[in-house]
């Protein structure tokens, strides 16, 4: 059985996109749509190179560790993320 993948939103519909592959700043990630920075809190950190889902060089992920509720990424200018109204 072959299943179709869901369509992604058109780029103009994106409200934020953090790529997490650019680990040049070990404590922040920058959204490529509006430039909003997310600051890593607690034990949040980038994975090692090739630590992302594909395992390919240049593919990273974010590791939130195991401490519940104390590791996260804070977007200071994040009001735009509250779409509930």
N, C-alpha and C. Protein backbone atom coordinates (compact mmCIF):
# COMPACT_ATOMS: atom_id res chain seq x y z
N UNK A 1 0.84 -1.17 0.00
CA UNK A 1 0.00 0.00 0.00
C UNK A 1 0.89 1.24 0.00
N UNK A 2 0.57 2.18 -0.81
CA UNK A 2 1.30 3.44 -0.87
C UNK A 2 0.37 4.54 -0.38
N UNK A 3 0.83 5.28 0.60
CA UNK A 3 0.02 6.37 1.17
C UNK A 3 0.59 7.70 0.72
N UNK A 4 -0.27 8.61 0.42
CA UNK A 4 0.17 9.96 0.04
C UNK A 4 0.56 10.73 1.29
N UNK A 5 1.61 11.49 1.19
CA UNK A 5 2.01 12.34 2.30
C UNK A 5 1.14 13.58 2.30
N UNK A 6 0.86 14.13 3.48
CA UNK A 6 0.05 15.35 3.52
C UNK A 6 0.78 16.50 2.87
N UNK A 7 0.05 17.37 2.24
CA UNK A 7 0.66 18.54 1.60
C UNK A 7 1.12 19.52 2.66
N UNK A 8 2.23 20.15 2.42
CA UNK A 8 2.73 21.16 3.34
C UNK A 8 2.13 22.50 2.98
N UNK A 9 2.04 23.37 3.95
CA UNK A 9 1.51 24.71 3.71
C UNK A 9 2.42 25.46 2.74
N UNK A 10 1.83 26.28 1.93
CA UNK A 10 2.60 27.12 1.02
C UNK A 10 3.50 28.03 1.84
N UNK A 11 4.70 28.33 1.37
CA UNK A 11 5.62 29.18 2.14
C UNK A 11 4.98 30.48 2.63
N UNK A 12 4.09 31.06 1.87
CA UNK A 12 3.47 32.32 2.30
C UNK A 12 2.55 32.12 3.50
N UNK A 13 2.13 30.88 3.77
CA UNK A 13 1.25 30.60 4.89
C UNK A 13 2.01 30.27 6.17
N UNK A 14 3.32 30.08 6.07
CA UNK A 14 4.11 29.75 7.25
C UNK A 14 4.17 30.93 8.20
N UNK A 15 4.03 30.65 9.47
CA UNK A 15 4.17 31.71 10.47
C UNK A 15 5.53 31.64 11.16
N UNK A 16 6.22 30.53 11.04
CA UNK A 16 7.54 30.37 11.62
C UNK A 16 8.16 29.06 11.18
N UNK A 17 9.48 29.05 11.04
CA UNK A 17 10.19 27.83 10.67
C UNK A 17 11.60 27.89 11.24
N UNK A 18 11.88 26.99 12.14
CA UNK A 18 13.20 26.88 12.74
C UNK A 18 13.85 25.62 12.20
N UNK A 19 14.99 25.77 11.55
CA UNK A 19 15.65 24.67 10.86
C UNK A 19 16.54 23.83 11.77
N UNK A 20 17.00 24.27 12.84
CA UNK A 20 17.81 23.52 13.82
C UNK A 20 19.05 22.85 13.25
N UNK A 21 19.36 23.04 11.98
CA UNK A 21 20.59 22.48 11.44
C UNK A 21 21.76 23.45 11.57
N UNK A 22 21.48 24.71 11.81
CA UNK A 22 22.54 25.71 11.97
C UNK A 22 22.87 25.87 13.45
N UNK A 23 23.91 25.20 13.87
CA UNK A 23 24.29 25.23 15.29
C UNK A 23 25.42 26.22 15.53
N UNK A 24 25.53 27.27 14.70
CA UNK A 24 26.61 28.24 14.85
C UNK A 24 26.49 29.01 16.17
N UNK A 25 25.28 29.15 16.70
CA UNK A 25 25.08 29.73 18.02
C UNK A 25 24.46 28.63 18.88
N UNK A 26 25.20 28.14 19.85
CA UNK A 26 24.78 26.97 20.63
C UNK A 26 23.59 27.21 21.55
N UNK A 27 23.15 28.47 21.71
CA UNK A 27 22.07 28.74 22.66
C UNK A 27 20.81 29.34 22.03
N UNK A 28 20.79 29.52 20.71
CA UNK A 28 19.61 30.06 20.05
C UNK A 28 19.37 29.40 18.70
N UNK A 29 18.14 29.53 18.22
CA UNK A 29 17.77 29.13 16.87
C UNK A 29 16.97 30.29 16.29
N UNK A 30 17.19 30.60 15.02
CA UNK A 30 16.51 31.73 14.40
C UNK A 30 15.53 31.24 13.35
N UNK A 31 14.31 31.73 13.42
CA UNK A 31 13.25 31.40 12.48
C UNK A 31 13.56 32.04 11.14
N UNK A 32 13.43 31.27 10.06
CA UNK A 32 13.79 31.79 8.74
C UNK A 32 12.64 32.53 8.06
N UNK A 33 11.46 32.60 8.65
CA UNK A 33 10.34 33.33 8.06
C UNK A 33 10.36 34.79 8.50
N UNK A 34 10.42 35.04 9.79
CA UNK A 34 10.38 36.40 10.33
C UNK A 34 11.64 36.79 11.10
N UNK A 35 12.58 35.85 11.26
CA UNK A 35 13.81 36.17 11.98
C UNK A 35 13.70 36.13 13.49
N UNK A 36 12.63 35.54 14.02
CA UNK A 36 12.45 35.47 15.47
C UNK A 36 13.42 34.46 16.07
N UNK A 37 14.08 34.88 17.14
CA UNK A 37 15.04 34.00 17.81
C UNK A 37 14.35 33.21 18.92
N UNK A 38 14.73 31.96 19.02
CA UNK A 38 14.31 31.12 20.12
C UNK A 38 15.52 30.84 20.99
N UNK A 39 15.41 31.09 22.28
CA UNK A 39 16.52 30.88 23.21
C UNK A 39 16.37 29.53 23.90
N UNK A 40 17.43 28.75 23.89
CA UNK A 40 17.40 27.45 24.54
C UNK A 40 17.43 27.64 26.05
N UNK A 41 16.56 26.95 26.74
CA UNK A 41 16.49 27.02 28.21
C UNK A 41 16.76 25.65 28.81
N UNK A 42 17.29 25.65 30.00
CA UNK A 42 17.59 24.40 30.68
C UNK A 42 18.66 23.62 29.94
N UNK A 43 18.48 22.32 29.79
CA UNK A 43 19.47 21.46 29.15
C UNK A 43 19.27 21.34 27.65
N UNK A 44 18.42 22.16 27.05
CA UNK A 44 18.17 22.10 25.61
C UNK A 44 19.47 22.36 24.85
N UNK A 45 19.76 21.53 23.86
CA UNK A 45 21.00 21.66 23.10
C UNK A 45 20.84 21.05 21.72
N UNK A 46 21.68 21.48 20.79
CA UNK A 46 21.72 20.84 19.48
C UNK A 46 22.33 19.46 19.59
N UNK A 47 21.90 18.55 18.75
CA UNK A 47 22.54 17.23 18.68
C UNK A 47 23.88 17.39 17.97
N UNK A 48 24.64 16.34 17.98
CA UNK A 48 25.89 16.33 17.22
C UNK A 48 25.56 16.35 15.73
N UNK A 49 26.54 16.72 14.91
CA UNK A 49 26.34 16.67 13.47
C UNK A 49 25.95 15.25 13.08
N UNK A 50 25.02 15.12 12.17
CA UNK A 50 24.46 13.85 11.71
C UNK A 50 23.56 13.22 12.77
N UNK A 51 23.15 14.00 13.77
CA UNK A 51 22.29 13.48 14.83
C UNK A 51 20.80 13.67 14.54
N UNK A 52 20.47 14.18 13.37
CA UNK A 52 19.07 14.38 12.99
C UNK A 52 18.45 13.10 12.48
N UNK A 53 17.23 13.19 12.01
CA UNK A 53 16.46 12.02 11.58
C UNK A 53 17.11 11.26 10.43
N UNK A 54 17.75 11.97 9.50
CA UNK A 54 18.33 11.28 8.34
C UNK A 54 19.68 10.65 8.65
N UNK A 55 20.37 11.18 9.66
CA UNK A 55 21.70 10.69 9.98
C UNK A 55 22.77 11.20 9.03
N UNK A 56 22.40 12.08 8.10
CA UNK A 56 23.35 12.61 7.13
C UNK A 56 24.15 13.76 7.73
N UNK A 57 25.34 13.96 7.22
CA UNK A 57 26.16 15.09 7.66
C UNK A 57 25.39 16.39 7.45
N UNK A 58 25.44 17.27 8.43
CA UNK A 58 24.71 18.54 8.35
C UNK A 58 23.30 18.48 8.90
N UNK A 59 22.81 17.28 9.18
CA UNK A 59 21.46 17.12 9.73
C UNK A 59 21.56 17.04 11.25
N UNK A 60 20.96 18.00 11.91
CA UNK A 60 20.97 18.04 13.37
C UNK A 60 19.55 17.95 13.90
N UNK A 61 19.44 17.90 15.19
CA UNK A 61 18.15 17.92 15.88
C UNK A 61 18.34 18.71 17.16
N UNK A 62 17.27 18.91 17.89
CA UNK A 62 17.36 19.56 19.20
C UNK A 62 17.07 18.50 20.25
N UNK A 63 17.93 18.42 21.25
CA UNK A 63 17.77 17.47 22.35
C UNK A 63 17.25 18.23 23.56
N UNK A 64 16.06 17.85 24.01
CA UNK A 64 15.46 18.51 25.16
C UNK A 64 15.80 17.81 26.48
N UNK A 65 16.63 16.78 26.42
CA UNK A 65 17.02 16.09 27.64
C UNK A 65 15.87 15.34 28.28
N UNK A 66 16.01 15.04 29.55
CA UNK A 66 15.00 14.23 30.25
C UNK A 66 14.32 14.95 31.41
N UNK A 67 14.75 16.16 31.72
CA UNK A 67 14.17 16.90 32.85
C UNK A 67 12.82 17.50 32.44
N UNK A 68 11.75 16.94 32.91
CA UNK A 68 10.41 17.37 32.54
C UNK A 68 10.14 18.82 32.93
N UNK A 69 9.64 19.60 31.97
CA UNK A 69 9.20 20.96 32.24
C UNK A 69 10.28 22.00 32.40
N UNK A 70 11.55 21.62 32.33
CA UNK A 70 12.60 22.60 32.55
C UNK A 70 13.45 22.85 31.31
N UNK A 71 13.23 22.12 30.26
CA UNK A 71 13.97 22.34 29.02
C UNK A 71 12.99 22.69 27.93
N UNK A 72 13.25 23.80 27.26
CA UNK A 72 12.35 24.28 26.22
C UNK A 72 13.06 25.34 25.40
N UNK A 73 12.40 25.81 24.35
CA UNK A 73 12.91 26.92 23.56
C UNK A 73 11.92 28.07 23.73
N UNK A 74 12.41 29.21 24.20
CA UNK A 74 11.55 30.37 24.43
C UNK A 74 11.69 31.35 23.27
N UNK A 75 10.55 31.68 22.67
CA UNK A 75 10.52 32.68 21.61
C UNK A 75 9.99 33.94 22.25
N UNK A 76 10.89 34.91 22.52
CA UNK A 76 10.50 36.13 23.24
C UNK A 76 9.44 36.92 22.51
N UNK A 77 9.54 37.00 21.20
CA UNK A 77 8.55 37.73 20.43
C UNK A 77 7.55 36.74 19.84
N UNK A 78 7.00 35.86 20.69
CA UNK A 78 6.20 34.74 20.22
C UNK A 78 4.71 34.95 20.20
N UNK A 79 4.22 36.17 20.38
CA UNK A 79 2.77 36.40 20.37
C UNK A 79 2.14 35.94 19.07
N UNK A 80 2.89 36.01 17.97
CA UNK A 80 2.36 35.59 16.67
C UNK A 80 2.07 34.09 16.62
N UNK A 81 2.62 33.32 17.56
CA UNK A 81 2.36 31.89 17.60
C UNK A 81 1.02 31.54 18.24
N UNK A 82 0.42 32.47 18.95
CA UNK A 82 -0.87 32.24 19.60
C UNK A 82 -1.99 32.53 18.62
N UNK A 83 -2.35 31.53 17.85
CA UNK A 83 -3.38 31.70 16.83
C UNK A 83 -4.78 31.44 17.34
N UNK A 84 -4.89 31.05 18.61
CA UNK A 84 -6.20 30.71 19.17
C UNK A 84 -7.09 31.93 19.32
N UNK A 85 -6.49 33.11 19.35
CA UNK A 85 -7.30 34.34 19.43
C UNK A 85 -7.43 34.79 20.79
